[in-house]
Amino acid sequence: HDITQGPCYDYFIHKDWQSMFETYNATLAGERAKQAGFDWSFDEQDTTADTPNDTSTESTTTTTYKGTMKLVHSLPPTRIHPHTKDEIWSNHINVLHADSIPAEFAYSAQHLRSWKYVFIYYAFEVLVFLQKYLQHGGDVSEMGHHVTHKDGTTMNIQYINHIKQTVWKNTIVYKHQKGDVALLDNYRVAHGRQPFKGPRTILTAWH
């Protein structure tokens, strides 16, 4: 999303590229994206030919980027723990796949025993369907976030569902109390939160 084009109402686009890469210069944002391992592109770009001057007889071109930035990050599904040397499942398939958002609300409905989140689950099922087939003509690669195989082919939804079910089956849910300190091995343990009411402040630190 380009913050200069006004607010974004697409639930699947979580952040503007200006905030993510801390610049309003689209070319610089692309350079920083590349340094972070992303393939990047913009949905709008203009290319102009520069006029030769007295010191150069060769013409050059300048490309200006704007609009929505698309990032593609190809990663292996596992990585090796730096200390134990165990092979660890390490990716975001269960939350970034286009069909995962409704499922998260379904699990929340079960955990909280809440009819509210049952309704939200069905609402997001409809939202995903409308975006996928009406807004993007079935091309899920154009949605705000999605996961495919490295070659761009679609993942089997049964595999995705199995991954999500396995993650939830091995999830420990506990309630934060004031003053609690939680230490996690972020190589081995994923983290998240359930819906909550009222104000709260959680401070995080990485080592």
Protein backbone atom coordinates (compact mmCIF):
# COMPACT_ATOMS: atom_id res chain seq x y z
CA HIS A 1 0.00 0.00 0.00
CA ASP A 2 1.11 3.56 -0.77
CA ILE A 3 0.29 5.75 2.23
CA THR A 4 0.24 8.87 0.04
CA GLN A 5 -2.81 7.49 -1.79
CA GLY A 6 -4.95 7.60 1.34
CA PRO A 7 -6.15 4.91 3.75
CA CYS A 8 -6.16 1.25 2.72
CA TYR A 9 -9.35 -0.73 3.36
CA ASP A 10 -7.95 -4.08 2.20
CA TYR A 11 -7.75 -6.31 5.30
CA PHE A 12 -5.06 -8.44 3.69
CA ILE A 13 -2.64 -5.53 3.22
CA HIS A 14 -1.23 -4.93 6.67
CA LYS A 15 1.34 -2.18 6.21
CA ASP A 16 2.35 0.61 3.85
CA TRP A 17 5.77 0.28 2.25
CA GLN A 18 6.83 3.70 3.52
CA SER A 19 6.56 2.50 7.13
CA MET A 20 8.05 -0.91 6.40
CA PHE A 21 11.19 0.43 4.74
CA GLU A 22 11.27 3.84 6.48
CA THR A 23 11.39 5.93 3.31
CA TYR A 24 9.08 7.72 0.90
CA ASN A 25 11.51 7.00 -1.96
CA ALA A 26 10.15 3.97 -3.85
CA THR A 27 13.49 3.13 -5.47
CA LEU A 28 15.25 3.18 -2.10
CA ALA A 29 12.46 1.03 -0.66
CA GLY A 30 13.14 -1.48 -3.43
CA GLU A 31 16.86 -1.50 -2.63
CA ARG A 32 16.13 -2.14 1.04
CA ALA A 33 13.66 -4.88 0.13
CA LYS A 34 16.33 -6.57 -2.01
CA GLN A 35 18.83 -6.37 0.86
CA ALA A 36 16.26 -8.14 3.06
CA GLY A 37 15.93 -10.96 0.51
CA PHE A 38 12.68 -9.90 -1.21
CA ASP A 39 11.89 -9.77 -4.91
CA TRP A 40 9.92 -6.56 -5.36
CA SER A 41 7.80 -4.68 -7.87
CA PHE A 42 5.29 -1.82 -7.99
CA ASP A 43 1.95 -1.79 -9.75
CA GLU A 44 2.82 1.56 -11.35
CA GLN A 45 6.06 2.68 -12.96
CA ASP A 46 7.12 5.34 -15.45
CA THR A 47 10.27 5.13 -17.56
CA THR A 48 11.70 8.28 -19.13
CA ALA A 49 14.68 8.74 -21.44
CA ASP A 50 17.28 11.25 -20.28
CA THR A 51 18.61 13.68 -22.88
CA PRO A 52 22.36 13.35 -23.64
CA ASN A 53 24.47 16.26 -22.36
CA ASP A 54 27.86 17.76 -23.19
CA THR A 55 29.75 15.13 -21.21
CA SER A 56 27.89 12.11 -22.55
CA THR A 57 26.45 11.22 -25.92
CA GLU A 58 24.62 8.16 -24.63
CA SER A 59 21.01 8.42 -23.52
CA THR A 60 19.93 6.77 -20.28
CA THR A 61 16.56 5.90 -18.82
CA THR A 62 15.09 6.67 -15.41
CA THR A 63 12.36 4.54 -13.87
CA THR A 64 10.02 6.00 -11.25
CA TYR A 65 7.97 3.63 -9.10
CA LYS A 66 4.74 4.33 -7.24
CA GLY A 67 1.55 2.70 -6.03
CA THR A 68 1.27 -0.66 -4.26
CA MET A 69 4.50 -2.56 -3.66
CA LYS A 70 4.50 -6.35 -4.11
CA LEU A 71 7.02 -8.41 -2.16
CA VAL A 72 7.89 -12.06 -2.81
CA HIS A 73 10.06 -13.96 -0.33
CA SER A 74 11.19 -17.51 -1.13
CA LEU A 75 12.29 -19.48 1.93
CA PRO A 76 12.73 -23.16 2.84
CA PRO A 77 10.05 -24.54 5.21
CA THR A 78 12.62 -25.52 7.86
CA ARG A 79 15.86 -24.21 9.29
CA ILE A 80 18.61 -25.58 11.53
CA HIS A 81 18.63 -24.48 15.17
CA PRO A 82 21.96 -22.68 15.76
CA HIS A 83 22.63 -24.45 19.09
CA THR A 84 20.85 -27.81 19.11
CA LYS A 85 21.31 -28.37 15.35
CA ASP A 86 17.76 -29.75 15.18
CA GLU A 87 15.80 -29.21 11.97
CA ILE A 88 12.98 -26.83 12.95
CA TRP A 89 9.70 -26.15 11.13
CA SER A 90 10.01 -22.40 10.57
CA ASN A 91 7.66 -20.46 8.29
CA HIS A 92 4.36 -18.55 8.22
CA ILE A 93 2.29 -20.81 5.97
CA ASN A 94 -0.40 -21.25 8.61
CA VAL A 95 -1.10 -17.49 8.85
CA LEU A 96 -0.12 -16.06 5.46
CA HIS A 97 -1.98 -18.47 3.19
CA ALA A 98 -5.03 -16.66 1.79
CA ASP A 99 -7.43 -19.23 3.28
CA SER A 100 -5.88 -19.05 6.76
CA ILE A 101 -7.52 -15.87 8.08
CA PRO A 102 -11.04 -17.37 8.44
CA ALA A 103 -9.59 -20.49 10.06
CA GLU A 104 -7.88 -18.39 12.76
CA PHE A 105 -11.27 -16.98 13.76
CA ALA A 106 -12.74 -20.50 13.78
CA TYR A 107 -10.09 -21.65 16.24
CA SER A 108 -10.66 -18.53 18.35
CA ALA A 109 -14.39 -19.28 18.42
CA GLN A 110 -13.65 -22.78 19.73
CA HIS A 111 -11.14 -21.61 22.30
CA LEU A 112 -13.24 -18.70 23.59
CA ARG A 113 -16.55 -20.56 23.11
CA SER A 114 -17.81 -17.42 21.40
CA TRP A 115 -20.65 -17.14 18.90
CA LYS A 116 -19.26 -13.72 18.00
CA TYR A 117 -16.18 -15.30 16.43
CA VAL A 118 -18.28 -17.94 14.72
CA PHE A 119 -20.02 -15.05 12.93
CA ILE A 120 -16.66 -13.39 12.18
CA TYR A 121 -15.37 -16.68 10.78
CA TYR A 122 -18.21 -16.90 8.25
CA ALA A 123 -17.89 -13.19 7.44
CA PHE A 124 -14.24 -13.67 6.53
CA GLU A 125 -15.02 -16.79 4.52
CA VAL A 126 -17.28 -14.59 2.40
CA LEU A 127 -14.67 -11.79 2.27
CA VAL A 128 -11.93 -14.15 1.06
CA PHE A 129 -14.24 -15.63 -1.56
CA LEU A 130 -15.26 -12.18 -2.88
CA GLN A 131 -11.69 -10.91 -3.04
CA LYS A 132 -10.35 -14.09 -4.59
CA TYR A 133 -12.95 -14.55 -7.33
CA LEU A 134 -14.65 -11.20 -7.88
CA GLN A 135 -11.88 -8.70 -7.21
CA HIS A 136 -8.93 -10.76 -8.47
CA GLY A 137 -10.61 -13.19 -10.88
CA GLY A 138 -9.34 -16.23 -8.99
CA ASP A 139 -5.71 -15.04 -9.07
CA VAL A 140 -4.76 -15.38 -5.40
CA SER A 141 -1.28 -14.01 -6.13
CA GLU A 142 -2.91 -10.58 -6.35
CA MET A 143 -4.30 -10.77 -2.81
CA GLY A 144 -2.68 -8.87 0.04
CA HIS A 145 -0.85 -11.96 1.23
CA HIS A 146 -0.63 -15.58 0.10
CA VAL A 147 1.71 -18.58 0.05
CA THR A 148 2.59 -20.81 -2.90
CA HIS A 149 5.32 -23.24 -3.84
CA LYS A 150 8.54 -21.61 -4.99
CA ASP A 151 7.58 -22.04 -8.65
CA GLY A 152 4.27 -20.25 -8.02
CA THR A 153 2.06 -23.33 -8.15
CA THR A 154 -0.85 -23.63 -5.71
CA MET A 155 -0.43 -25.60 -2.50
CA ASN A 156 -2.84 -28.44 -1.80
CA ILE A 157 -5.45 -27.01 0.59
CA GLN A 158 -5.56 -30.34 2.45
CA TYR A 159 -1.88 -29.90 3.32
CA ILE A 160 -2.52 -26.34 4.47
CA ASN A 161 -5.41 -27.47 6.67
CA HIS A 162 -3.25 -30.25 8.14
CA ILE A 163 -0.51 -27.73 8.98
CA LYS A 164 -2.99 -25.36 10.66
CA GLN A 165 -4.57 -28.19 12.66
CA THR A 166 -1.14 -29.44 13.77
CA VAL A 167 -0.11 -25.94 14.89
CA TRP A 168 -3.28 -25.52 16.95
CA LYS A 169 -3.04 -29.02 18.38
CA ASN A 170 0.40 -28.11 19.74
CA THR A 171 -0.51 -24.61 20.91
CA ILE A 172 -0.35 -23.69 24.60
CA VAL A 173 -2.67 -20.80 25.52
CA TYR A 174 -2.13 -18.90 28.76
CA LYS A 175 -3.46 -15.63 30.16
CA HIS A 176 -1.02 -12.79 30.76
CA GLN A 177 -1.09 -11.29 34.23
CA LYS A 178 0.39 -7.91 35.14
CA GLY A 179 4.13 -8.24 35.65
CA ASP A 180 4.47 -11.57 33.79
CA VAL A 181 7.71 -12.23 31.94
CA ALA A 182 7.78 -14.87 29.19
CA LEU A 183 11.02 -16.19 27.71
CA LEU A 184 10.77 -18.01 24.38
CA ASP A 185 13.21 -19.68 22.05
CA ASN A 186 11.99 -17.97 18.88
CA TYR A 187 13.75 -20.53 16.69
CA ARG A 188 11.70 -23.34 18.19
CA VAL A 189 8.45 -21.69 19.37
CA ALA A 190 5.99 -19.61 17.35
CA HIS A 191 4.02 -16.90 19.10
CA GLY A 192 0.65 -15.21 18.71
CA ARG A 193 -2.33 -13.94 20.66
CA GLN A 194 -6.04 -14.48 21.08
CA PRO A 195 -8.58 -11.62 20.91
CA PHE A 196 -8.76 -9.53 24.09
CA LYS A 197 -10.74 -6.69 25.64
CA GLY A 198 -9.45 -3.49 27.26
CA PRO A 199 -6.05 -1.79 27.17
CA ARG A 200 -2.80 -3.68 27.56
CA THR A 201 0.89 -3.09 27.03
CA ILE A 202 3.37 -5.85 26.23
CA LEU A 203 7.05 -5.01 25.90
CA THR A 204 9.27 -7.25 23.76
CA ALA A 205 13.02 -7.65 23.47
CA TRP A 206 15.13 -9.81 21.12
CA HIS A 207 18.48 -11.38 21.88
